[in-house]
Structures are given as structure tokens and as C-alpha cells.
Amino acid sequence: MTGVRRFLALVGALTLLASVGPLGSAPAFARHRRDDTKAPAFRWLGISPEPLLRKGSVHLKFRASDRSEQLKVSFTITDEQGDVVAKEGPFKRPHGRSSVSWKTVYGNGTPVLPGLYRARITVTDKAGNSTTGPPRPFRILRHVHTKIYRSIPDAGRRVALTFDDCNDGKAWSRMLRVLASRHVTATFFCLGIRVNEFPKLARRTVARGHTIGSHGWDHKDLSTLSYSAIRSRLVKDERAWWSKARNTPAPYFRPPYGSYDRTVLRAAGSAGYARTILWSVDPSDYLRPGASVIAHRVVSAAHPGSIVVMHNQIQTAQALPAIISGLRRKHLQPVGLAQLFQAGGLRSPVA
């Protein structure tokens, strides 16, 4: 029996030595789990198609490198408000160049509203180390049937402040300062030529969380133009926002002078503008009646769900503090259009 015991002990020792490895090192799988604390490297390669011009999928392309041969990949899509629209994964992908796809629909299968979206990708290795890449913006500008809005009655005690044209850089800058100091967001319908003229103000507008919309390229009365001329102006304006501020005015469109016909609406819908925005309160500030008169007209006429139309000019900038204070005294909250539509429960696109 003594010989048998010695033999078994020797076999056990040899087995232990084999599992530990040379010079007493840990097993390979244990060494991998304990020593691998380095997260995978991640780099965006792009999103295609960008912009997406029809119903379908976008493909999120990236490169991830890691000692693991296979990674787990998940992604999150957020809308212009930062709300999560989709969260999918994890999917198994090899390290190196890879991609994942999003079908561009809401959870109920309805195509998402045209506009700006951001994608984030997270890659995780076998040891549990994760890397999340920076948000990547992209646009969906598919064809829709636009709908006209003058107010949003179901938005509670909120009032949308909107400013057109952006012709005066000093007034635009002053408005941004006033809005920031009072923690208010609004909406800017700037002409494409002004976005190109004042790119820093365009970027500041986007960075501070204000909603942007299309007002055409040069304030031409669109109802006097052909379908192709209207559409080309809207496309040109949208491209100005994308090139200068990596944002898009879709899905919001306001025709200059509030002038439209069936051709204007058809062209707007074809360019991805699901929401044609008119107004329910107009203080006629473009006539420059004085800051106090502008403020009085806005505050006295505003009601829950109102959309107020104003312009980027000095008297309106001067009136803005009194407008905000007066609305708040009436227990009305000034907001941007994105917040107004969200409060009104209007998140799905027009089919």
C-alpha cells in the first residue's frame, strides 16, 4: 500500500506542476483574468449612410483592438433631447474592423422622426474591461408628410419662444447671453446665409441646448418658387448647419413670412421636415415698436402651449428679460420647440 500511495502522490505532484506551468507561474486562464486590466482600444470609422434619406438601417463602423480574440459590442442611440431611442446588444464581434446596424425605428416599429441622433458604442473584452467611444452625430432626413403646428395645447403651462432670421449678430449674441443667464432654452430659425456668416454663434446656439429649425436659405418667399427651387434652398440651409455646427434643423421648418402652399409643404416634407411651425402669438417686433411694447404684447397674449414668433433684432433682445419674467409671473415656462413637443407627447413622426 505504501508504494501505491507514493505513486499516487507523485502523479498528483506532476499534475499540479503541469497546471501551474514553468517556474510556478499561474494557469493561463487565471493569469488572463487576473492580469488583463487594460480596456479595449476603440476608434470610430464612420456611420453610413449619412445622412439616411429613406427608411432603413444605419451602419455604425468602428475599429476595436484587444488581446481578446472576440469582444462584446453594444450601442445606444439618443435623440436631440438626449433621450434614449434604442439600446441594443451585446453582440459578439472579432477585434479589428467591425460594424453593428440600427434599423432606425422606435420600439413599436414606427420609423423614427427625422432629425439629429447620436450613437455611442461600448466594447467589452473577456476580462470584463469596457470602453465606450465618444458620441457620434448623424442625421436622418427621410421623406415625410409635413404637418402644420401653430401651438401645442397639451404641453402644459409651457410657451415656445422662437426667433427668426438671425440677421443681427449682436442681437443674436445678446439673446444667447440673456437666455443662458435665466436658464431658458428657445428655438432659432436662422437663414442659411446667416449660419455661414456667424458660425461661432451657430455653434454656441447648438452647444447651449437650443432647438434649431430651417428658415430657408435667404428669406425668399418660397410660395413663389418651383418645387425644385424650394427644395434646393432647404437642402442648402440644412447643409450649412451641418458643416458649421454638426447639427440639423430637421424636423422643424418655418417658411419665411409664414407663406406656404401645397408645393412648399411637399418640398419641406421631402427634405425631412415633419413639422412646419407657424405661431399663435406675434408681437410684430419686426416693426420695432420698442422693447417694452414687444414684451407687453408677448406676455399678455401668451397662453399654455403658445408658439411665439419673434426676430433677432436689438429691440427684441432688449425685451427678452421682461418677456421671461412676465411669462414666469403668469406661471408659464418659456421653452424651446423640442421641449414643447416632448411635453405634448408628440415624439412619433408623421407617417
Protein backbone atom coordinates (compact mmCIF):
# COMPACT_ATOMS: atom_id res chain seq x y z
CA MET A 1 0.00 0.00 0.00
CA THR A 2 2.91 2.28 0.76
CA GLY A 3 4.14 2.01 -2.82
CA VAL A 4 0.66 2.77 -4.20
CA ARG A 5 0.40 5.85 -2.01
CA ARG A 6 3.79 7.10 -3.12
CA PHE A 7 2.81 6.56 -6.76
CA LEU A 8 -0.46 8.49 -6.36
CA ALA A 9 1.34 11.30 -4.58
CA LEU A 10 3.86 11.52 -7.41
CA VAL A 11 1.08 11.65 -10.04
CA GLY A 12 -0.66 14.40 -8.08
CA ALA A 13 2.53 16.44 -7.84
CA LEU A 14 3.20 16.13 -11.55
CA THR A 15 -0.39 17.18 -12.35
CA LEU A 16 -0.10 20.23 -10.11
CA LEU A 17 3.22 21.18 -11.70
CA ALA A 18 1.71 20.94 -15.17
CA SER A 19 -1.24 23.15 -14.20
CA VAL A 20 0.95 25.77 -12.59
CA GLY A 21 3.38 25.89 -15.51
CA PRO A 22 7.10 26.58 -15.55
CA LEU A 23 8.72 28.25 -12.54
CA GLY A 24 5.48 28.16 -10.58
CA SER A 25 3.52 30.54 -12.86
CA ALA A 26 -0.31 30.68 -12.64
CA PRO A 27 -2.55 28.82 -15.12
CA ALA A 28 -3.04 30.65 -18.44
CA PHE A 29 -6.78 31.28 -17.92
CA ALA A 30 -6.26 32.56 -14.37
CA ARG A 31 -3.36 34.74 -15.47
CA HIS A 32 -5.52 36.24 -18.23
CA ARG A 33 -8.39 37.08 -15.90
CA ARG A 34 -6.21 38.48 -13.13
CA ASP A 35 -3.64 40.39 -15.18
CA ASP A 36 -5.82 41.80 -18.01
CA THR A 37 -6.92 45.19 -16.68
CA LYS A 38 -6.47 47.08 -19.93
CA ALA A 39 -9.69 48.14 -21.67
CA PRO A 40 -10.06 47.61 -25.43
CA ALA A 41 -8.97 50.43 -27.73
CA PHE A 42 -11.82 51.96 -29.75
CA ARG A 43 -11.94 54.23 -32.80
CA TRP A 44 -14.88 55.37 -34.90
CA LEU A 45 -14.63 54.66 -38.63
CA GLY A 46 -17.95 56.27 -39.55
CA ILE A 47 -21.70 55.93 -39.89
CA SER A 48 -23.34 55.12 -43.21
CA PRO A 49 -25.39 56.18 -44.94
CA GLU A 50 -25.02 59.70 -43.54
CA PRO A 51 -27.46 61.26 -43.86
CA LEU A 52 -30.03 58.49 -44.12
CA LEU A 53 -32.52 59.67 -46.75
CA ARG A 54 -35.04 56.82 -46.63
CA LYS A 55 -36.44 54.18 -44.32
CA GLY A 56 -33.83 51.59 -43.46
CA SER A 57 -30.77 50.94 -41.34
CA VAL A 58 -27.64 52.85 -40.50
CA HIS A 59 -24.37 51.02 -40.03
CA LEU A 60 -22.05 52.00 -37.20
CA LYS A 61 -18.49 51.25 -38.26
CA PHE A 62 -15.55 51.09 -35.86
CA ARG A 63 -12.22 49.50 -35.04
CA ALA A 64 -11.57 47.85 -31.67
CA SER A 65 -8.29 46.21 -30.65
CA ASP A 66 -7.66 43.98 -27.64
CA ARG A 67 -5.79 40.83 -26.61
CA SER A 68 -9.16 39.05 -26.64
CA GLU A 69 -9.98 37.49 -29.98
CA GLN A 70 -13.66 38.23 -29.52
CA LEU A 71 -15.41 41.25 -28.00
CA LYS A 72 -18.93 42.03 -26.85
CA VAL A 73 -20.37 45.11 -28.55
CA SER A 74 -23.45 47.13 -27.58
CA PHE A 75 -24.74 50.52 -28.72
CA THR A 76 -27.10 53.27 -27.59
CA ILE A 77 -28.91 55.78 -29.81
CA THR A 78 -30.15 59.08 -28.36
CA ASP A 79 -32.27 61.81 -29.95
CA GLU A 80 -31.81 65.59 -29.98
CA GLN A 81 -33.03 65.79 -26.38
CA GLY A 82 -30.60 63.15 -25.19
CA ASP A 83 -33.39 60.63 -24.62
CA VAL A 84 -32.58 57.00 -25.40
CA VAL A 85 -34.29 55.84 -28.61
CA ALA A 86 -32.60 52.44 -28.90
CA LYS A 87 -30.28 50.29 -26.82
CA GLU A 88 -29.11 47.05 -28.43
CA GLY A 89 -26.57 44.31 -27.77
CA PRO A 90 -24.34 42.85 -26.66
CA PHE A 91 -23.27 41.27 -29.94
CA LYS A 92 -20.17 39.13 -30.41
CA ARG A 93 -17.66 40.68 -32.78
CA PRO A 94 -14.00 39.95 -33.58
CA HIS A 95 -11.43 42.57 -32.71
CA GLY A 96 -10.29 44.82 -35.56
CA ARG A 97 -12.63 46.45 -38.09
CA SER A 98 -16.29 45.71 -37.43
CA SER A 99 -19.79 47.18 -37.51
CA VAL A 100 -23.25 46.97 -35.99
CA SER A 101 -26.54 48.14 -37.51
CA TRP A 102 -29.61 50.01 -36.25
CA LYS A 103 -32.95 49.70 -38.05
CA THR A 104 -33.97 53.38 -37.27
CA VAL A 105 -37.33 52.54 -35.72
CA TYR A 106 -38.88 53.11 -32.33
CA GLY A 107 -39.64 50.18 -30.04
CA ASN A 108 -43.10 49.82 -31.62
CA GLY A 109 -41.59 49.53 -35.11
CA THR A 110 -42.53 53.05 -36.25
CA PRO A 111 -39.80 54.85 -38.25
CA VAL A 112 -38.08 57.46 -36.10
CA LEU A 113 -38.62 61.17 -36.59
CA PRO A 114 -36.18 62.87 -38.97
CA GLY A 115 -33.53 64.90 -37.21
CA LEU A 116 -30.28 64.58 -35.31
CA TYR A 117 -29.25 61.41 -33.49
CA ARG A 118 -26.12 60.34 -31.63
CA ALA A 119 -24.63 56.86 -31.40
CA ARG A 120 -22.44 55.50 -28.61
CA ILE A 121 -20.69 52.14 -28.84
CA THR A 122 -19.35 50.12 -25.91
CA VAL A 123 -16.87 47.27 -26.42
CA THR A 124 -16.11 44.77 -23.63
CA ASP A 125 -13.38 42.12 -23.53
CA LYS A 126 -13.43 38.66 -21.91
CA ALA A 127 -11.97 40.02 -18.68
CA GLY A 128 -14.86 42.50 -18.36
CA ASN A 129 -12.90 45.63 -19.29
CA SER A 130 -15.02 48.11 -21.26
CA THR A 131 -14.51 51.16 -23.45
CA THR A 132 -17.29 53.48 -24.60
CA GLY A 133 -16.48 55.63 -27.60
CA PRO A 134 -17.44 59.31 -27.90
CA PRO A 135 -20.94 60.11 -29.17
CA ARG A 136 -21.12 60.26 -32.96
CA PRO A 137 -23.81 62.53 -34.50
CA PHE A 138 -25.69 61.56 -37.64
CA ARG A 139 -28.79 62.70 -39.48
CA ILE A 140 -32.00 61.07 -40.62
CA LEU A 141 -33.64 63.15 -43.37
CA ARG A 142 -36.13 60.75 -44.87
CA HIS A 143 -39.22 61.80 -46.81
CA VAL A 144 -42.26 62.58 -44.63
CA HIS A 145 -45.62 64.31 -44.94
CA THR A 146 -45.21 67.55 -43.02
CA LYS A 147 -47.80 68.80 -40.56
CA ILE A 148 -48.50 72.43 -39.62
CA TYR A 149 -48.38 73.50 -35.95
CA ARG A 150 -49.42 76.86 -34.51
CA SER A 151 -49.49 75.76 -30.86
CA ILE A 152 -49.31 72.59 -28.76
CA PRO A 153 -52.36 72.67 -26.47
CA ASP A 154 -51.37 69.56 -24.49
CA ALA A 155 -47.91 70.82 -23.48
CA GLY A 156 -48.96 72.06 -20.05
CA ARG A 157 -48.02 75.58 -18.98
CA ARG A 158 -45.16 75.86 -21.47
CA VAL A 159 -44.64 78.53 -24.11
CA ALA A 160 -42.18 78.19 -27.01
CA LEU A 161 -40.03 81.26 -27.72
CA THR A 162 -38.85 81.28 -31.35
CA PHE A 163 -36.57 83.75 -33.14
CA ASP A 164 -36.31 84.14 -36.92
CA ASP A 165 -33.68 85.26 -39.42
CA CYS A 166 -30.54 85.83 -37.24
CA ASN A 167 -29.62 88.86 -39.39
CA ASP A 168 -28.10 90.82 -36.48
CA GLY A 169 -25.10 89.10 -34.91
CA LYS A 170 -25.02 91.46 -31.91
CA ALA A 171 -28.69 90.85 -31.15
CA TRP A 172 -28.23 87.09 -31.57
CA SER A 173 -25.28 87.08 -29.17
CA ARG A 174 -27.16 89.19 -26.62
CA MET A 175 -30.17 86.86 -26.77
CA LEU A 176 -27.95 83.87 -26.08
CA ARG A 177 -26.48 85.62 -23.03
CA VAL A 178 -29.91 86.54 -21.66
CA LEU A 179 -31.28 83.04 -22.18
CA ALA A 180 -28.23 81.45 -20.52
CA SER A 181 -28.37 83.77 -17.50
CA ARG A 182 -32.03 82.87 -16.95
CA HIS A 183 -31.63 79.15 -17.70
CA VAL A 184 -34.05 79.23 -20.63
CA THR A 185 -33.89 77.35 -23.93
CA ALA A 186 -35.54 78.67 -27.08
CA THR A 187 -35.65 78.00 -30.83
CA PHE A 188 -33.72 79.76 -33.60
CA PHE A 189 -34.92 79.70 -37.21
CA CYS A 190 -31.80 81.13 -38.83
CA LEU A 191 -31.28 81.66 -42.54
CA GLY A 192 -28.55 79.54 -44.08
CA ILE A 193 -26.65 82.63 -45.21
CA ARG A 194 -26.52 83.82 -41.58
CA VAL A 195 -25.32 80.46 -40.30
CA ASN A 196 -22.41 80.79 -42.72
CA GLU A 197 -21.87 84.42 -41.72
CA PHE A 198 -21.94 83.78 -37.96
CA PRO A 199 -20.61 80.22 -37.48
CA LYS A 200 -19.46 80.82 -33.89
CA LEU A 201 -22.96 81.96 -32.88
CA ALA A 202 -24.45 78.96 -34.66
CA ARG A 203 -22.18 76.61 -32.71
CA ARG A 204 -22.90 78.43 -29.44
CA THR A 205 -26.65 78.12 -30.07
CA VAL A 206 -26.35 74.36 -30.51
CA ALA A 207 -23.91 73.92 -27.61
CA ARG A 208 -26.30 75.63 -25.20
CA GLY A 209 -29.11 73.23 -25.99
CA HIS A 210 -31.36 75.47 -28.07
CA THR A 211 -33.56 73.96 -30.76
CA ILE A 212 -32.78 74.98 -34.33
CA GLY A 213 -35.06 75.00 -37.35
CA SER A 214 -34.88 75.81 -41.06
CA HIS A 215 -36.00 79.22 -42.31
CA GLY A 216 -34.73 78.65 -45.82
CA TRP A 217 -31.52 79.97 -47.32
CA ASP A 218 -32.16 83.67 -47.98
CA HIS A 219 -35.70 84.60 -46.82
CA LYS A 220 -37.15 84.27 -50.30
CA ASP A 221 -40.94 83.81 -50.33
CA LEU A 222 -40.98 80.09 -51.06
CA SER A 223 -44.56 80.11 -52.33
CA THR A 224 -43.33 82.00 -55.41
CA LEU A 225 -40.78 79.29 -56.33
CA SER A 226 -40.86 75.92 -58.02
CA TYR A 227 -40.64 72.65 -56.12
CA SER A 228 -37.00 72.11 -57.08
CA ALA A 229 -36.02 75.69 -56.16
CA ILE A 230 -37.71 75.39 -52.76
CA ARG A 231 -36.11 72.05 -52.01
CA SER A 232 -32.64 73.20 -53.05
CA ARG A 233 -32.87 76.15 -50.64
CA LEU A 234 -33.92 73.89 -47.78
CA VAL A 235 -31.13 71.42 -48.52
CA LYS A 236 -28.58 74.23 -48.73
CA ASP A 237 -29.71 75.66 -45.37
CA GLU A 238 -29.54 72.22 -43.72
CA ARG A 239 -26.02 71.65 -45.03
CA ALA A 240 -24.91 74.99 -43.60
CA TRP A 241 -25.95 73.91 -40.11
CA TRP A 242 -24.25 70.53 -40.52
CA SER A 243 -20.99 71.96 -41.82
CA LYS A 244 -20.75 74.76 -39.23
CA ALA A 245 -22.27 73.16 -36.12
CA ARG A 246 -22.63 69.40 -36.79
CA ASN A 247 -26.37 69.68 -36.26
CA THR A 248 -29.50 69.76 -38.38
CA PRO A 249 -32.62 71.95 -38.30
CA ALA A 250 -34.80 68.93 -39.16
CA PRO A 251 -37.58 68.21 -38.30
CA TYR A 252 -38.52 71.90 -37.75
CA PHE A 253 -39.28 74.27 -40.64
CA ARG A 254 -40.76 77.76 -40.72
CA PRO A 255 -41.47 79.30 -44.14
CA PRO A 256 -40.34 82.94 -44.47
CA TYR A 257 -43.28 85.33 -43.91
CA GLY A 258 -45.30 82.29 -42.85
CA SER A 259 -46.07 81.96 -46.57
CA TYR A 260 -46.75 78.47 -47.91
CA ASP A 261 -48.78 76.46 -50.37
CA ARG A 262 -49.03 72.77 -51.25
CA THR A 263 -45.76 72.88 -53.18
CA VAL A 264 -43.89 74.38 -50.22
CA LEU A 265 -45.25 71.73 -47.86
CA ARG A 266 -44.46 68.94 -50.30
CA ALA A 267 -40.87 70.14 -50.71
CA ALA A 268 -40.45 70.54 -46.94
CA GLY A 269 -41.64 67.00 -46.33
CA SER A 270 -39.33 65.61 -48.98
CA ALA A 271 -36.35 67.21 -47.19
CA GLY A 272 -37.24 65.61 -43.84
CA TYR A 273 -39.17 68.46 -42.22
CA ALA A 274 -42.05 66.69 -40.48
CA ARG A 275 -43.05 69.80 -38.51
CA THR A 276 -43.92 73.07 -40.22
CA ILE A 277 -44.01 75.67 -37.46
CA LEU A 278 -46.20 78.76 -37.58
CA TRP A 279 -47.31 80.63 -34.44
CA SER A 280 -50.16 81.71 -32.19
CA VAL A 281 -48.52 84.86 -30.74
CA ASP A 282 -46.97 87.60 -32.91
CA PRO A 283 -45.84 90.86 -31.25
CA SER A 284 -44.85 92.32 -34.66
CA ASP A 285 -41.40 93.07 -33.28
CA TYR A 286 -40.08 93.44 -36.84
CA LEU A 287 -41.83 96.84 -36.89
CA ARG A 288 -39.60 97.90 -33.95
CA PRO A 289 -42.33 99.35 -31.71
CA GLY A 290 -39.98 99.45 -28.71
CA ALA A 291 -38.78 96.83 -26.22
CA SER A 292 -41.48 97.49 -23.63
CA VAL A 293 -44.24 97.20 -26.23
CA ILE A 294 -42.81 93.92 -27.54
CA ALA A 295 -42.61 92.47 -24.04
CA HIS A 296 -46.17 93.55 -23.19
CA ARG A 297 -47.59 92.06 -26.39
CA VAL A 298 -45.89 88.70 -25.84
CA VAL A 299 -46.75 88.33 -22.16
CA SER A 300 -50.36 89.50 -22.49
CA ALA A 301 -51.11 87.18 -25.43
CA ALA A 302 -49.23 84.08 -24.29
CA HIS A 303 -51.17 81.08 -23.02
CA PRO A 304 -50.28 77.43 -22.30
CA GLY A 305 -48.94 75.78 -25.44
CA SER A 306 -48.34 79.03 -27.34
CA ILE A 307 -45.68 79.39 -30.03
CA VAL A 308 -44.33 82.95 -30.07
CA VAL A 309 -42.70 84.28 -33.25
CA MET A 310 -40.02 86.97 -32.85
CA HIS A 311 -36.89 88.11 -34.66
CA ASN A 312 -33.20 88.51 -33.95
CA GLN A 313 -33.04 92.28 -33.61
CA ILE A 314 -31.90 94.63 -30.85
CA GLN A 315 -35.31 95.70 -29.52
CA THR A 316 -36.35 92.07 -29.12
CA ALA A 317 -33.08 91.28 -27.34
CA GLN A 318 -33.76 94.22 -25.01
CA ALA A 319 -37.30 92.95 -24.39
CA LEU A 320 -36.27 89.37 -23.66
CA PRO A 321 -35.60 89.72 -19.87
CA ALA A 322 -39.04 91.28 -19.37
CA ILE A 323 -40.66 88.61 -21.54
CA ILE A 324 -39.15 85.79 -19.49
CA SER A 325 -40.01 87.45 -16.16
CA GLY A 326 -43.55 88.25 -17.31
CA LEU A 327 -44.22 84.70 -18.50
CA ARG A 328 -42.97 83.30 -15.22
CA ARG A 329 -45.25 85.65 -13.26
CA LYS A 330 -48.12 84.09 -15.23
CA HIS A 331 -46.75 80.66 -14.24
CA LEU A 332 -45.77 79.95 -17.83
CA GLN A 333 -42.47 78.25 -18.61
CA PRO A 334 -40.53 79.51 -21.68
CA VAL A 335 -39.02 76.58 -23.61
CA GLY A 336 -37.69 75.51 -27.00
CA LEU A 337 -39.82 73.65 -29.53
CA ALA A 338 -38.19 70.31 -28.75
CA GLN A 339 -39.29 70.62 -25.12
CA LEU A 340 -42.77 71.82 -26.13
CA PHE A 341 -43.34 68.85 -28.44
CA GLN A 342 -41.94 66.43 -25.88
CA ALA A 343 -44.25 67.80 -23.17
CA GLY A 344 -47.16 67.48 -25.58
CA GLY A 345 -46.39 63.80 -26.15
CA LEU A 346 -45.59 64.35 -29.83
CA ARG A 347 -42.47 62.27 -30.32
CA SER A 348 -43.53 60.00 -33.17
CA PRO A 349 -43.16 61.20 -36.77
CA VAL A 350 -45.94 61.99 -39.15
CA ALA A 351 -46.33 58.87 -41.30
